[in-house]
Amino acid sequence: MEKYFVIGGMPAVQNLSETLRTNVLQGQVNAVVSRDVVERCNLPNSQTLKFIMQMIFNNPARPLSIRKSSDFLSSRQITHTRECTADYLDYLADAYLLHRVELYSESAVKRRMNPAKYYLNDLGIIIRAMRVKRSLELGPLLENLVFLHLR
């Protein structure tokens, strides 16, 4: 299972060397982000998108508040709006890099008040292609794996 967390589930890279695997995965992520997100959605600020991706990829399977994310970006002097942050997260989900899951509740108020969790589509892409810290906690990675299996 630890191998899956590092390599991921893409069949094309399973038997490649570590360097080649990293290059292939980086190329795939860059292609998806540039074609399916930046070009298709006509995004003017790819720096904001990169920061949002790093926030999500460094914190898989954890609740992500749009307000707190926007405040973090503002503290880094990155111009954006809360709506922009929410849209960028939706664009990443539309490109199948991540999945958004809201808290289950019959109360619409509870669903709106609690931040959604974002699950990554492939852990290998995240760790290799995005150069995410390797010291990610095992719990969120396992939760992400269970989500992928049950979805």
Protein backbone atom coordinates (compact mmCIF):
# COMPACT_ATOMS: atom_id res chain seq x y z
CA MET A 1 0.00 0.00 0.00
CA GLU A 2 2.87 2.38 0.73
CA LYS A 3 4.05 1.82 -2.84
CA TYR A 4 0.64 2.94 -4.11
CA PHE A 5 0.90 6.14 -2.06
CA VAL A 6 4.21 6.96 -3.74
CA ILE A 7 3.66 5.65 -7.28
CA GLY A 8 -0.10 6.01 -7.62
CA GLY A 9 -2.42 4.03 -9.82
CA MET A 10 -1.52 5.06 -13.37
CA PRO A 11 -0.57 1.87 -15.22
CA ALA A 12 1.74 3.64 -17.69
CA VAL A 13 4.24 4.63 -14.99
CA GLN A 14 4.31 1.55 -12.80
CA ASN A 15 7.52 0.05 -14.22
CA LEU A 16 9.41 3.27 -15.00
CA SER A 17 12.43 4.54 -13.12
CA GLU A 18 11.75 7.15 -10.47
CA THR A 19 13.13 10.02 -12.56
CA LEU A 20 11.22 9.04 -15.69
CA ARG A 21 8.05 8.42 -13.67
CA THR A 22 8.30 11.89 -12.13
CA ASN A 23 8.82 13.49 -15.56
CA VAL A 24 5.86 11.64 -17.09
CA LEU A 25 3.53 12.51 -14.21
CA GLN A 26 4.65 16.16 -14.18
CA GLY A 27 3.96 16.32 -17.91
CA GLN A 28 0.49 14.88 -17.45
CA VAL A 29 -0.41 17.28 -14.65
CA ASN A 30 0.96 20.26 -16.57
CA ALA A 31 -1.01 19.23 -19.68
CA VAL A 32 -4.26 18.80 -17.73
CA VAL A 33 -3.84 22.08 -15.87
CA SER A 34 -2.82 24.11 -18.92
CA ARG A 35 -5.37 22.63 -21.37
CA ASP A 36 -8.31 21.65 -19.20
CA VAL A 37 -8.16 24.45 -16.67
CA VAL A 38 -6.17 27.51 -17.76
CA GLU A 39 -7.03 27.54 -21.49
CA ARG A 40 -10.56 26.18 -21.30
CA CYS A 41 -11.59 28.52 -18.48
CA ASN A 42 -9.54 31.50 -19.71
CA LEU A 43 -7.87 31.98 -16.34
CA PRO A 44 -5.97 35.24 -16.07
CA ASN A 45 -3.98 34.31 -12.97
CA SER A 46 -2.30 30.91 -12.99
CA GLN A 47 -0.28 31.85 -9.88
CA THR A 48 -3.48 31.77 -7.82
CA LEU A 49 -4.31 28.38 -9.29
CA LYS A 50 -0.87 27.02 -8.36
CA PHE A 51 -1.23 28.17 -4.75
CA ILE A 52 -4.69 26.61 -4.51
CA MET A 53 -3.37 23.35 -5.94
CA GLN A 54 -0.54 23.30 -3.41
CA MET A 55 -2.97 23.92 -0.54
CA ILE A 56 -5.18 21.03 -1.59
CA PHE A 57 -2.40 18.64 -2.54
CA ASN A 58 -0.58 19.20 0.74
CA ASN A 59 -3.80 18.58 2.69
CA PRO A 60 -5.70 15.74 1.02
CA ALA A 61 -9.01 14.57 2.52
CA ARG A 62 -9.26 17.53 4.88
CA PRO A 63 -11.97 20.18 5.07
CA LEU A 64 -11.06 23.30 3.11
CA SER A 65 -12.74 26.58 3.93
CA ILE A 66 -13.02 28.97 0.98
CA ARG A 67 -12.79 31.95 3.35
CA LYS A 68 -9.64 30.69 5.08
CA SER A 69 -8.08 29.80 1.74
CA SER A 70 -8.83 33.26 0.42
CA ASP A 71 -7.39 34.85 3.55
CA PHE A 72 -4.22 32.78 3.14
CA LEU A 73 -3.86 33.89 -0.48
CA SER A 74 -4.43 37.51 0.56
CA SER A 75 -1.67 37.19 3.15
CA ARG A 76 0.64 36.19 0.28
CA GLN A 77 -0.39 39.34 -1.66
CA ILE A 78 -2.13 37.29 -4.35
CA THR A 79 -5.02 39.19 -5.89
CA HIS A 80 -8.25 37.22 -6.05
CA THR A 81 -11.76 36.99 -4.66
CA ARG A 82 -13.51 34.28 -2.67
CA GLU A 83 -15.62 33.54 -5.73
CA CYS A 84 -12.43 33.15 -7.75
CA THR A 85 -11.07 30.66 -5.21
CA ALA A 86 -14.31 28.65 -5.31
CA ASP A 87 -14.32 28.72 -9.11
CA TYR A 88 -10.72 27.51 -9.32
CA LEU A 89 -11.56 24.58 -7.04
CA ASP A 90 -14.52 23.74 -9.29
CA TYR A 91 -12.29 23.91 -12.37
CA LEU A 92 -9.81 21.47 -10.80
CA ALA A 93 -12.68 19.11 -10.00
CA ASP A 94 -14.01 19.43 -13.57
CA ALA A 95 -10.54 18.42 -14.82
CA TYR A 96 -10.72 15.28 -12.62
CA LEU A 97 -7.70 16.20 -10.53
CA LEU A 98 -9.80 16.18 -7.39
CA HIS A 99 -13.26 15.41 -6.06
CA ARG A 100 -15.36 17.67 -3.84
CA VAL A 101 -17.47 16.11 -1.10
CA GLU A 102 -19.77 18.13 1.11
CA LEU A 103 -20.76 17.13 4.61
CA TYR A 104 -23.78 14.86 4.56
CA SER A 105 -26.67 16.38 6.43
CA GLU A 106 -30.37 16.77 5.83
CA SER A 107 -30.01 20.38 6.96
CA ALA A 108 -29.09 22.74 4.15
CA VAL A 109 -27.71 25.17 6.73
CA LYS A 110 -25.28 22.57 8.12
CA ARG A 111 -24.13 21.68 4.60
CA ARG A 112 -23.45 25.33 3.80
CA MET A 113 -21.75 26.10 7.12
CA ASN A 114 -19.27 23.21 7.01
CA PRO A 115 -16.39 23.28 4.53
CA ALA A 116 -16.19 20.60 1.85
CA LYS A 117 -13.44 18.01 1.72
CA TYR A 118 -11.37 17.57 -1.40
CA TYR A 119 -10.08 14.13 -2.38
CA LEU A 120 -7.27 13.67 -4.89
CA ASN A 121 -7.85 11.53 -7.96
CA ASP A 122 -4.42 9.88 -7.87
CA LEU A 123 -1.96 10.08 -5.00
CA GLY A 124 1.08 9.31 -7.16
CA ILE A 125 0.49 12.35 -9.31
CA ILE A 126 0.28 14.51 -6.27
CA ILE A 127 3.42 13.28 -4.58
CA ARG A 128 5.58 12.98 -7.69
CA ALA A 129 4.33 15.61 -10.07
CA MET A 130 3.54 18.34 -7.59
CA ARG A 131 6.61 17.73 -5.40
CA VAL A 132 4.48 17.58 -2.29
CA LYS A 133 6.15 16.95 1.02
CA ARG A 134 6.64 13.23 1.56
CA SER A 135 5.75 13.48 5.23
CA LEU A 136 2.03 13.50 4.53
CA GLU A 137 0.10 11.82 7.31
CA LEU A 138 -1.04 8.28 6.63
CA GLY A 139 -4.62 8.88 7.90
CA PRO A 140 -5.68 11.36 5.20
CA LEU A 141 -3.98 9.25 2.52
CA LEU A 142 -5.92 6.18 3.67
CA GLU A 143 -9.15 8.19 3.77
CA ASN A 144 -8.44 9.37 0.21
CA LEU A 145 -7.82 5.76 -0.86
CA VAL A 146 -11.10 4.59 0.70
CA PHE A 147 -12.96 7.44 -0.99
CA LEU A 148 -11.53 6.49 -4.39
CA HIS A 149 -12.55 2.89 -3.84
CA LEU A 150 -16.12 3.72 -2.75
CA ARG A 151 -17.00 6.51 -5.17
